[in-house]
C-alpha cells in the first residue's frame, strides 16, 4: 500500500473510530473521555513539511468537528502539528533515524523516545482541548483532574493500539527522498 493510500485509510479510520466508537463511550465521572484520533497526526511521515502537516491537521480536525462542536478539535490538532517537528528534532538524531525510516514508530525511534514523543504531544493536545472546552478558570482542580485523567486513559489506549497493531519500520530509499 502506498504512503498516500495508507494515510487516507488512517484518516478515515481514526475519524470513524473516534466519532462512532469512542465518542459513544459514556464519560467516567465527568472527567474521562478517551481520545486517540490525533494519533493520525503523530504517525504521519517524517518527510512531510510543516505547512503540509498543518494543513492536514486542519483538515483532520475540521472533519472531526463536523460531527460535533466546531473548532474544538481543529485548534489542538494544528497546535500539535506545529510542535511535532520541533519535538522530533529534539528526540531523535537528525542524520540517522529521520533519514532511514519513513514515519515515527517504536521501531524507528525506540521505546523511550517514542513514549516521550507520544506523552508530550498527547498531554499538550488534551490540555488545549480541555481548556477550550472549559474556557474558564473557575475550578482549577477540576481542569487539572480532567486533563490528567483524560491524558492517562488516552495514553493507555494509544499504547495498546501500538502493541496490537505494530507498524512495520519501513526504510526509506533514495528514490523516496
N, C-alpha and C. Protein backbone atom coordinates (compact mmCIF):
# COMPACT_ATOMS: atom_id res chain seq x y z
N UNK A 1 0.86 -1.18 0.00
CA UNK A 1 0.00 0.00 0.00
C UNK A 1 0.90 1.23 0.00
N UNK A 2 0.61 2.17 -0.85
CA UNK A 2 1.42 3.37 -0.91
C UNK A 2 1.18 4.24 0.32
N UNK A 3 2.12 5.14 0.55
CA UNK A 3 2.02 6.04 1.70
C UNK A 3 0.74 6.87 1.66
N UNK A 4 0.39 7.36 0.49
CA UNK A 4 -0.81 8.19 0.36
C UNK A 4 -2.07 7.40 0.70
N UNK A 5 -2.21 6.21 0.14
CA UNK A 5 -3.38 5.38 0.42
C UNK A 5 -3.44 4.98 1.90
N UNK A 6 -2.29 4.65 2.46
CA UNK A 6 -2.23 4.27 3.87
C UNK A 6 -2.69 5.43 4.76
N UNK A 7 -2.25 6.64 4.45
CA UNK A 7 -2.63 7.79 5.27
C UNK A 7 -4.08 8.21 5.05
N UNK A 8 -4.61 8.03 3.85
CA UNK A 8 -6.03 8.28 3.61
C UNK A 8 -6.87 7.29 4.41
N UNK A 9 -6.45 6.01 4.41
CA UNK A 9 -7.14 4.99 5.18
C UNK A 9 -7.10 5.32 6.68
N UNK A 10 -5.93 5.73 7.18
CA UNK A 10 -5.81 6.12 8.60
C UNK A 10 -6.70 7.31 8.92
N UNK A 11 -6.72 8.30 8.04
CA UNK A 11 -7.55 9.49 8.22
C UNK A 11 -9.00 9.07 8.46
N UNK A 12 -9.53 8.26 7.57
CA UNK A 12 -10.92 7.82 7.65
C UNK A 12 -11.13 6.93 8.87
N UNK A 13 -10.21 6.00 9.11
CA UNK A 13 -10.35 5.08 10.24
C UNK A 13 -10.36 5.81 11.58
N UNK A 14 -9.43 6.73 11.79
CA UNK A 14 -9.38 7.45 13.06
C UNK A 14 -10.62 8.32 13.28
N UNK A 15 -11.11 8.94 12.22
CA UNK A 15 -12.35 9.73 12.34
C UNK A 15 -13.50 8.82 12.74
N UNK A 16 -13.66 7.70 12.04
CA UNK A 16 -14.78 6.79 12.32
C UNK A 16 -14.69 6.19 13.72
N UNK A 17 -13.51 5.77 14.13
CA UNK A 17 -13.35 5.19 15.47
C UNK A 17 -13.67 6.23 16.55
N UNK A 18 -13.17 7.45 16.37
CA UNK A 18 -13.43 8.48 17.38
C UNK A 18 -14.92 8.85 17.43
N UNK A 19 -15.52 9.06 16.28
CA UNK A 19 -16.91 9.52 16.23
C UNK A 19 -17.90 8.43 16.61
N UNK A 20 -17.73 7.25 16.06
CA UNK A 20 -18.75 6.21 16.23
C UNK A 20 -18.46 5.20 17.34
N UNK A 21 -17.26 5.22 17.90
CA UNK A 21 -16.96 4.29 18.99
C UNK A 21 -16.62 5.06 20.27
N UNK A 22 -15.52 5.82 20.24
CA UNK A 22 -15.04 6.46 21.46
C UNK A 22 -15.93 7.61 21.96
N UNK A 23 -16.55 8.34 21.05
CA UNK A 23 -17.46 9.41 21.49
C UNK A 23 -18.76 8.86 22.07
N UNK A 24 -19.05 7.59 21.81
CA UNK A 24 -20.27 6.96 22.34
C UNK A 24 -20.04 6.36 23.73
N UNK A 25 -18.77 6.25 24.13
CA UNK A 25 -18.45 5.73 25.46
C UNK A 25 -18.87 6.77 26.49
N UNK A 26 -19.69 6.38 27.47
CA UNK A 26 -20.10 7.37 28.47
C UNK A 26 -18.90 7.85 29.28
N UNK A 27 -18.88 9.11 29.60
CA UNK A 27 -17.79 9.68 30.39
C UNK A 27 -17.76 9.05 31.77
N UNK A 28 -16.56 8.82 32.27
CA UNK A 28 -16.38 8.26 33.61
C UNK A 28 -16.29 9.44 34.58
N UNK A 29 -17.27 9.58 35.43
CA UNK A 29 -17.30 10.63 36.45
C UNK A 29 -16.97 12.00 35.88
N UNK A 30 -17.56 12.38 34.82
CA UNK A 30 -17.42 13.68 34.15
C UNK A 30 -15.99 14.11 33.87
N UNK A 31 -15.03 13.25 34.16
CA UNK A 31 -13.63 13.58 33.91
C UNK A 31 -13.11 13.00 32.61
N UNK A 32 -13.29 11.73 32.43
CA UNK A 32 -12.54 11.00 31.41
C UNK A 32 -13.34 10.76 30.15
N UNK A 33 -12.77 11.16 29.04
CA UNK A 33 -13.31 10.85 27.72
C UNK A 33 -12.12 10.45 26.85
N UNK A 34 -12.13 9.25 26.29
CA UNK A 34 -10.95 8.79 25.54
C UNK A 34 -10.82 9.48 24.18
N UNK A 35 -9.60 9.89 23.87
CA UNK A 35 -9.27 10.47 22.57
C UNK A 35 -8.03 9.78 22.03
N UNK A 36 -8.12 9.26 20.82
CA UNK A 36 -6.91 8.73 20.16
C UNK A 36 -6.81 9.21 18.70
N UNK A 37 -7.77 10.00 18.26
CA UNK A 37 -7.81 10.40 16.85
C UNK A 37 -6.56 11.13 16.40
N UNK A 38 -5.93 11.90 17.28
CA UNK A 38 -4.77 12.70 16.90
C UNK A 38 -3.53 11.84 16.64
N UNK A 39 -3.64 10.54 16.90
CA UNK A 39 -2.56 9.62 16.56
C UNK A 39 -2.28 9.65 15.05
N UNK A 40 -3.31 10.01 14.29
CA UNK A 40 -3.12 10.18 12.84
C UNK A 40 -2.01 11.20 12.57
N UNK A 41 -2.01 12.30 13.29
CA UNK A 41 -1.00 13.35 13.09
C UNK A 41 0.37 12.86 13.56
N UNK A 42 0.39 12.14 14.68
CA UNK A 42 1.65 11.66 15.21
C UNK A 42 2.30 10.61 14.30
N UNK A 43 1.49 9.86 13.55
CA UNK A 43 2.00 8.81 12.69
C UNK A 43 2.30 9.26 11.27
N UNK A 44 2.11 10.51 10.95
CA UNK A 44 2.42 10.99 9.60
C UNK A 44 3.92 10.87 9.32
N UNK A 45 4.32 10.74 8.06
CA UNK A 45 5.74 10.54 7.71
C UNK A 45 6.64 11.69 8.18
N UNK A 46 7.90 11.34 8.39
CA UNK A 46 8.91 12.33 8.78
C UNK A 46 9.09 13.40 7.72
N UNK A 47 9.02 13.02 6.45
CA UNK A 47 9.41 13.94 5.38
C UNK A 47 8.33 14.93 4.96
N UNK A 48 7.20 14.96 5.64
CA UNK A 48 6.17 15.93 5.30
C UNK A 48 6.59 17.30 5.85
N UNK A 49 6.44 18.34 5.04
CA UNK A 49 6.87 19.66 5.51
C UNK A 49 5.84 20.25 6.48
N UNK A 50 6.26 21.26 7.23
CA UNK A 50 5.41 21.82 8.28
C UNK A 50 4.11 22.40 7.73
N UNK A 51 4.15 23.06 6.60
CA UNK A 51 2.93 23.63 6.01
C UNK A 51 1.93 22.54 5.64
N UNK A 52 2.42 21.50 4.99
CA UNK A 52 1.55 20.38 4.63
C UNK A 52 1.01 19.66 5.86
N UNK A 53 1.87 19.53 6.87
CA UNK A 53 1.46 18.88 8.12
C UNK A 53 0.34 19.68 8.80
N UNK A 54 0.50 20.98 8.85
CA UNK A 54 -0.51 21.82 9.49
C UNK A 54 -1.81 21.85 8.69
N UNK A 55 -1.70 21.83 7.36
CA UNK A 55 -2.90 21.77 6.52
C UNK A 55 -3.65 20.45 6.73
N UNK A 56 -2.92 19.34 6.76
CA UNK A 56 -3.54 18.04 7.02
C UNK A 56 -4.19 18.01 8.40
N UNK A 57 -3.50 18.57 9.39
CA UNK A 57 -4.05 18.61 10.75
C UNK A 57 -5.32 19.46 10.79
N UNK A 58 -5.31 20.57 10.07
CA UNK A 58 -6.51 21.42 10.00
C UNK A 58 -7.68 20.66 9.36
N UNK A 59 -7.42 20.02 8.23
CA UNK A 59 -8.47 19.25 7.55
C UNK A 59 -8.97 18.10 8.43
N UNK A 60 -8.06 17.45 9.12
CA UNK A 60 -8.44 16.34 10.00
C UNK A 60 -9.30 16.85 11.16
N UNK A 61 -8.86 17.93 11.79
CA UNK A 61 -9.61 18.50 12.91
C UNK A 61 -10.97 19.03 12.50
N UNK A 62 -11.04 19.70 11.36
CA UNK A 62 -12.32 20.27 10.90
C UNK A 62 -13.27 19.14 10.49
N UNK A 63 -12.72 18.04 9.97
CA UNK A 63 -13.57 16.89 9.63
C UNK A 63 -14.16 16.29 10.89
N UNK A 64 -13.36 16.16 11.93
CA UNK A 64 -13.86 15.65 13.20
C UNK A 64 -14.86 16.62 13.83
N UNK A 65 -14.60 17.90 13.69
CA UNK A 65 -15.52 18.90 14.24
C UNK A 65 -16.86 18.91 13.53
N UNK A 66 -16.89 18.45 12.32
CA UNK A 66 -18.15 18.36 11.58
C UNK A 66 -19.15 17.48 12.33
N UNK A 67 -18.66 16.50 13.06
CA UNK A 67 -19.52 15.59 13.80
C UNK A 67 -19.82 16.06 15.22
N UNK A 68 -19.34 17.22 15.61
CA UNK A 68 -19.54 17.69 16.97
C UNK A 68 -19.48 19.20 17.05
N UNK A 69 -18.67 19.68 17.96
CA UNK A 69 -18.56 21.12 18.18
C UNK A 69 -17.52 21.74 17.26
N UNK A 70 -17.87 22.79 16.53
CA UNK A 70 -16.95 23.42 15.58
C UNK A 70 -15.73 24.04 16.26
N UNK A 71 -14.56 23.71 15.76
CA UNK A 71 -13.33 24.31 16.23
C UNK A 71 -12.70 23.65 17.43
N UNK A 72 -13.44 22.80 18.11
CA UNK A 72 -12.93 22.21 19.34
C UNK A 72 -11.72 21.32 19.08
N UNK A 73 -11.73 20.54 18.04
CA UNK A 73 -10.63 19.62 17.75
C UNK A 73 -9.63 20.19 16.76
N UNK A 74 -10.04 21.15 15.97
CA UNK A 74 -9.15 21.71 14.95
C UNK A 74 -7.97 22.44 15.58
N UNK A 75 -8.22 23.24 16.57
CA UNK A 75 -7.15 24.04 17.20
C UNK A 75 -6.08 23.15 17.82
N UNK A 76 -6.43 22.16 18.66
CA UNK A 76 -5.39 21.29 19.21
C UNK A 76 -4.65 20.47 18.15
N UNK A 77 -5.33 20.06 17.09
CA UNK A 77 -4.66 19.30 16.02
C UNK A 77 -3.61 20.15 15.33
N UNK A 78 -3.95 21.37 15.00
CA UNK A 78 -2.99 22.27 14.34
C UNK A 78 -1.84 22.60 15.29
N UNK A 79 -2.14 22.76 16.57
CA UNK A 79 -1.12 23.05 17.58
C UNK A 79 -0.08 21.94 17.67
N UNK A 80 -0.54 20.68 17.78
CA UNK A 80 0.45 19.60 17.88
C UNK A 80 1.16 19.36 16.54
N UNK A 81 0.50 19.66 15.44
CA UNK A 81 1.16 19.55 14.14
C UNK A 81 2.28 20.58 14.03
N UNK A 82 2.09 21.75 14.61
CA UNK A 82 3.12 22.78 14.60
C UNK A 82 4.30 22.37 15.49
N UNK A 83 4.01 21.78 16.64
CA UNK A 83 5.07 21.40 17.59
C UNK A 83 5.80 20.11 17.22
N UNK A 84 5.16 19.26 16.45
CA UNK A 84 5.70 17.93 16.13
C UNK A 84 7.12 17.96 15.57
N UNK A 85 7.42 18.76 14.55
CA UNK A 85 8.80 18.76 14.01
C UNK A 85 9.84 19.20 15.04
N UNK A 86 9.52 20.17 15.88
CA UNK A 86 10.45 20.61 16.92
C UNK A 86 10.76 19.47 17.88
N UNK A 87 9.72 18.78 18.31
CA UNK A 87 9.87 17.68 19.25
C UNK A 87 10.66 16.52 18.63
N UNK A 88 10.36 16.20 17.38
CA UNK A 88 11.10 15.13 16.71
C UNK A 88 12.59 15.48 16.58
N UNK A 89 12.89 16.74 16.29
CA UNK A 89 14.29 17.16 16.19
C UNK A 89 15.01 17.07 17.52
N UNK A 90 14.28 17.25 18.62
CA UNK A 90 14.90 17.13 19.94
C UNK A 90 15.11 15.67 20.34
N UNK A 91 14.20 14.80 19.94
CA UNK A 91 14.21 13.43 20.43
C UNK A 91 15.05 12.45 19.62
N UNK A 92 15.25 12.73 18.35
CA UNK A 92 15.99 11.76 17.53
C UNK A 92 17.11 12.46 16.77
N UNK A 93 18.20 11.75 16.53
CA UNK A 93 19.28 12.32 15.74
C UNK A 93 18.82 12.56 14.30
N UNK A 94 18.98 13.76 13.83
CA UNK A 94 18.51 14.17 12.52
C UNK A 94 19.10 13.32 11.40
N UNK A 95 20.38 13.02 11.50
CA UNK A 95 21.06 12.36 10.38
C UNK A 95 20.85 10.85 10.32
N UNK A 96 20.26 10.26 11.34
CA UNK A 96 20.13 8.80 11.32
C UNK A 96 18.69 8.35 11.10
N UNK A 97 17.87 8.41 12.13
CA UNK A 97 16.53 7.83 12.08
C UNK A 97 15.65 8.50 11.06
N UNK A 98 15.64 9.83 11.06
CA UNK A 98 14.73 10.54 10.19
C UNK A 98 15.04 10.30 8.72
N UNK A 99 16.28 10.02 8.41
CA UNK A 99 16.65 9.77 7.03
C UNK A 99 16.48 8.31 6.62
N UNK A 100 16.46 7.40 7.60
CA UNK A 100 16.38 5.99 7.24
C UNK A 100 14.99 5.38 7.44
N UNK A 101 14.16 5.98 8.25
CA UNK A 101 12.81 5.47 8.48
C UNK A 101 11.78 6.43 7.90
N UNK A 102 10.61 5.90 7.54
CA UNK A 102 9.59 6.71 6.89
C UNK A 102 8.71 7.48 7.87
N UNK A 103 8.43 6.91 9.06
CA UNK A 103 7.49 7.56 9.98
C UNK A 103 7.85 7.24 11.43
N UNK A 104 7.38 8.06 12.36
CA UNK A 104 7.64 7.81 13.78
C UNK A 104 6.97 6.51 14.23
N UNK A 105 7.73 5.70 14.94
CA UNK A 105 7.19 4.46 15.50
C UNK A 105 8.16 3.99 16.58
N UNK A 106 7.75 2.97 17.30
CA UNK A 106 8.63 2.39 18.31
C UNK A 106 9.88 1.84 17.65
N UNK A 107 9.72 1.23 16.50
CA UNK A 107 10.86 0.64 15.79
C UNK A 107 11.84 1.72 15.30
N UNK A 108 11.33 2.83 14.83
CA UNK A 108 12.21 3.86 14.28
C UNK A 108 12.84 4.75 15.35
N UNK A 109 12.16 4.93 16.48
CA UNK A 109 12.64 5.86 17.50
C UNK A 109 13.10 5.16 18.78
N UNK A 110 12.68 3.94 19.00
CA UNK A 110 12.95 3.28 20.28
C UNK A 110 11.84 3.62 21.26
N UNK A 111 11.63 2.73 22.25
CA UNK A 111 10.52 2.93 23.19
C UNK A 111 10.62 4.24 23.97
N UNK A 112 11.81 4.57 24.42
CA UNK A 112 11.98 5.78 25.25
C UNK A 112 11.61 7.05 24.51
N UNK A 113 12.21 7.24 23.36
CA UNK A 113 11.95 8.45 22.57
C UNK A 113 10.51 8.49 22.06
N UNK A 114 10.02 7.32 21.61
CA UNK A 114 8.66 7.28 21.09
C UNK A 114 7.65 7.57 22.21
N UNK A 115 7.85 6.98 23.38
CA UNK A 115 6.95 7.22 24.51
C UNK A 115 6.97 8.69 24.92
N UNK A 116 8.14 9.29 24.95
CA UNK A 116 8.26 10.72 25.28
C UNK A 116 7.52 11.56 24.26
N UNK A 117 7.71 11.25 23.00
CA UNK A 117 7.04 11.95 21.89
C UNK A 117 5.52 11.87 22.04
N UNK A 118 5.01 10.67 22.26
CA UNK A 118 3.56 10.48 22.38
C UNK A 118 3.01 11.12 23.65
N UNK A 119 3.70 10.97 24.76
CA UNK A 119 3.21 11.52 26.03
C UNK A 119 3.15 13.04 25.98
N UNK A 120 4.20 13.68 25.49
CA UNK A 120 4.22 15.14 25.44
C UNK A 120 3.12 15.68 24.52
N UNK A 121 3.03 15.15 23.31
CA UNK A 121 2.02 15.67 22.38
C UNK A 121 0.60 15.30 22.81
N UNK A 122 0.42 14.16 23.45
CA UNK A 122 -0.90 13.79 23.97
C UNK A 122 -1.32 14.74 25.08
N UNK A 123 -0.41 14.99 26.01
CA UNK A 123 -0.72 15.91 27.11
C UNK A 123 -1.05 17.31 26.58
N UNK A 124 -0.23 17.83 25.67
CA UNK A 124 -0.49 19.17 25.13
C UNK A 124 -1.80 19.23 24.35
N UNK A 125 -2.07 18.20 23.57
CA UNK A 125 -3.31 18.17 22.80
C UNK A 125 -4.52 18.17 23.73
N UNK A 126 -4.51 17.30 24.72
CA UNK A 126 -5.66 17.18 25.61
C UNK A 126 -5.79 18.39 26.52
N UNK A 127 -4.67 18.94 26.98
CA UNK A 127 -4.73 20.15 27.81
C UNK A 127 -5.38 21.30 27.04
N UNK A 128 -5.00 21.49 25.79
CA UNK A 128 -5.60 22.56 24.98
C UNK A 128 -7.07 22.25 24.68
N UNK A 129 -7.36 21.00 24.37
CA UNK A 129 -8.74 20.59 24.09
C UNK A 129 -9.64 20.84 25.30
N UNK A 130 -9.20 20.42 26.48
CA UNK A 130 -9.99 20.60 27.70
C UNK A 130 -10.10 22.09 28.04
N UNK A 131 -9.02 22.84 27.83
CA UNK A 131 -9.06 24.28 28.10
C UNK A 131 -10.09 24.97 27.20
N UNK A 132 -10.10 24.65 25.92
CA UNK A 132 -11.07 25.25 25.00
C UNK A 132 -12.49 24.85 25.39
N UNK A 133 -12.64 23.59 25.74
CA UNK A 133 -13.95 23.07 26.14
C UNK A 133 -14.43 23.75 27.42
N UNK A 134 -13.55 23.97 28.30
CA UNK A 134 -13.84 24.53 29.62
C UNK A 134 -13.91 26.05 29.57
N UNK A 135 -12.86 26.70 29.03
CA UNK A 135 -12.75 28.13 28.78
C UNK A 135 -13.10 29.04 29.95
N UNK A 136 -12.77 28.59 31.11
CA UNK A 136 -12.87 29.45 32.29
C UNK A 136 -11.97 28.89 33.37
N UNK A 137 -11.56 29.72 34.27
CA UNK A 137 -10.71 29.27 35.37
C UNK A 137 -11.47 29.26 36.68
N UNK A 138 -12.69 28.79 36.68
CA UNK A 138 -13.49 28.74 37.90
C UNK A 138 -13.00 27.70 38.87
N UNK A 139 -12.68 26.51 38.39
CA UNK A 139 -12.24 25.43 39.25
C UNK A 139 -11.00 24.80 38.64
N UNK A 140 -9.86 25.26 39.07
CA UNK A 140 -8.59 24.82 38.51
C UNK A 140 -8.33 23.34 38.78
N UNK A 141 -8.73 22.84 39.95
CA UNK A 141 -8.54 21.43 40.26
C UNK A 141 -9.34 20.52 39.33
N UNK A 142 -10.54 20.96 38.96
CA UNK A 142 -11.35 20.20 38.00
C UNK A 142 -10.63 20.13 36.66
N UNK A 143 -10.08 21.25 36.23
CA UNK A 143 -9.33 21.31 34.97
C UNK A 143 -8.14 20.36 35.00
N UNK A 144 -7.33 20.41 36.04
CA UNK A 144 -6.16 19.55 36.18
C UNK A 144 -6.57 18.08 36.24
N UNK A 145 -7.63 17.79 36.99
CA UNK A 145 -8.11 16.41 37.10
C UNK A 145 -8.58 15.86 35.77
N UNK A 146 -9.31 16.67 35.03
CA UNK A 146 -9.81 16.22 33.73
C UNK A 146 -8.67 16.02 32.73
N UNK A 147 -7.72 16.93 32.71
CA UNK A 147 -6.58 16.79 31.81
C UNK A 147 -5.78 15.55 32.17
N UNK A 148 -5.51 15.35 33.44
CA UNK A 148 -4.71 14.20 33.89
C UNK A 148 -5.41 12.88 33.59
N UNK A 149 -6.68 12.78 33.95
CA UNK A 149 -7.42 11.53 33.75
C UNK A 149 -7.62 11.22 32.27
N UNK A 150 -7.96 12.21 31.48
CA UNK A 150 -8.16 12.01 30.04
C UNK A 150 -6.85 11.65 29.35
N UNK A 151 -5.77 12.32 29.74
CA UNK A 151 -4.46 12.00 29.18
C UNK A 151 -4.06 10.58 29.52
N UNK A 152 -4.26 10.17 30.77
CA UNK A 152 -3.90 8.82 31.19
C UNK A 152 -4.67 7.77 30.39
N UNK A 153 -5.98 7.94 30.28
CA UNK A 153 -6.79 6.97 29.53
C UNK A 153 -6.40 6.95 28.05
N UNK A 154 -6.18 8.11 27.48
CA UNK A 154 -5.79 8.18 26.06
C UNK A 154 -4.44 7.52 25.83
N UNK A 155 -3.49 7.74 26.74
CA UNK A 155 -2.17 7.11 26.60
C UNK A 155 -2.27 5.59 26.70
N UNK A 156 -3.09 5.11 27.60
CA UNK A 156 -3.30 3.65 27.71
C UNK A 156 -3.83 3.11 26.38
N UNK A 157 -4.84 3.78 25.82
CA UNK A 157 -5.40 3.32 24.54
C UNK A 157 -4.39 3.42 23.40
N UNK A 158 -3.59 4.47 23.39
CA UNK A 158 -2.58 4.64 22.34
C UNK A 158 -1.54 3.54 22.41
N UNK A 159 -1.04 3.24 23.61
CA UNK A 159 -0.01 2.20 23.72
C UNK A 159 -0.59 0.81 23.49
N UNK A 160 -1.85 0.60 23.83
CA UNK A 160 -2.50 -0.67 23.48
C UNK A 160 -2.62 -0.79 21.96
N UNK A 161 -3.03 0.29 21.31
CA UNK A 161 -3.12 0.28 19.84
C UNK A 161 -1.75 0.05 19.21
N UNK A 162 -0.72 0.63 19.78
CA UNK A 162 0.63 0.46 19.25
C UNK A 162 1.10 -0.98 19.39
N UNK A 163 0.72 -1.64 20.49
CA UNK A 163 1.13 -3.03 20.68
C UNK A 163 0.26 -4.01 19.87
N UNK A 164 -1.03 -3.71 19.74
CA UNK A 164 -1.91 -4.60 18.98
C UNK A 164 -1.71 -4.49 17.48
N UNK A 165 -1.42 -3.28 17.02
CA UNK A 165 -1.25 -3.04 15.59
C UNK A 165 0.11 -2.42 15.32
N UNK A 166 1.17 -3.20 15.49
CA UNK A 166 2.51 -2.63 15.26
C UNK A 166 2.70 -2.26 13.80
N UNK A 167 3.32 -1.14 13.59
CA UNK A 167 3.59 -0.70 12.23
C UNK A 167 4.99 -1.15 11.86
N UNK A 168 5.14 -1.58 10.65
CA UNK A 168 6.46 -2.01 10.18
C UNK A 168 7.34 -0.78 10.04
N UNK A 169 8.56 -0.90 10.48
CA UNK A 169 9.51 0.19 10.34
C UNK A 169 10.04 0.24 8.92
N UNK A 170 9.27 0.83 8.03
CA UNK A 170 9.67 0.89 6.61
C UNK A 170 10.89 1.80 6.45
N UNK A 171 11.85 1.29 5.76
CA UNK A 171 13.02 2.08 5.45
C UNK A 171 12.77 2.92 4.21
N UNK A 172 13.27 4.12 4.24
CA UNK A 172 13.17 4.97 3.06
C UNK A 172 14.29 4.62 2.12
N UNK A 173 14.05 4.79 0.85
CA UNK A 173 15.10 4.58 -0.14
C UNK A 173 15.45 5.92 -0.75
N UNK A 174 16.52 5.94 -1.51
CA UNK A 174 16.93 7.19 -2.15
C UNK A 174 15.87 7.69 -3.12
N UNK A 175 15.12 6.76 -3.73
CA UNK A 175 14.08 7.15 -4.68
C UNK A 175 12.92 7.87 -3.99
N UNK A 176 12.67 7.56 -2.70
CA UNK A 176 11.55 8.15 -1.98
C UNK A 176 11.88 9.51 -1.42
N UNK A 177 13.16 9.86 -1.38
CA UNK A 177 13.56 11.12 -0.76
C UNK A 177 13.22 12.26 -1.59
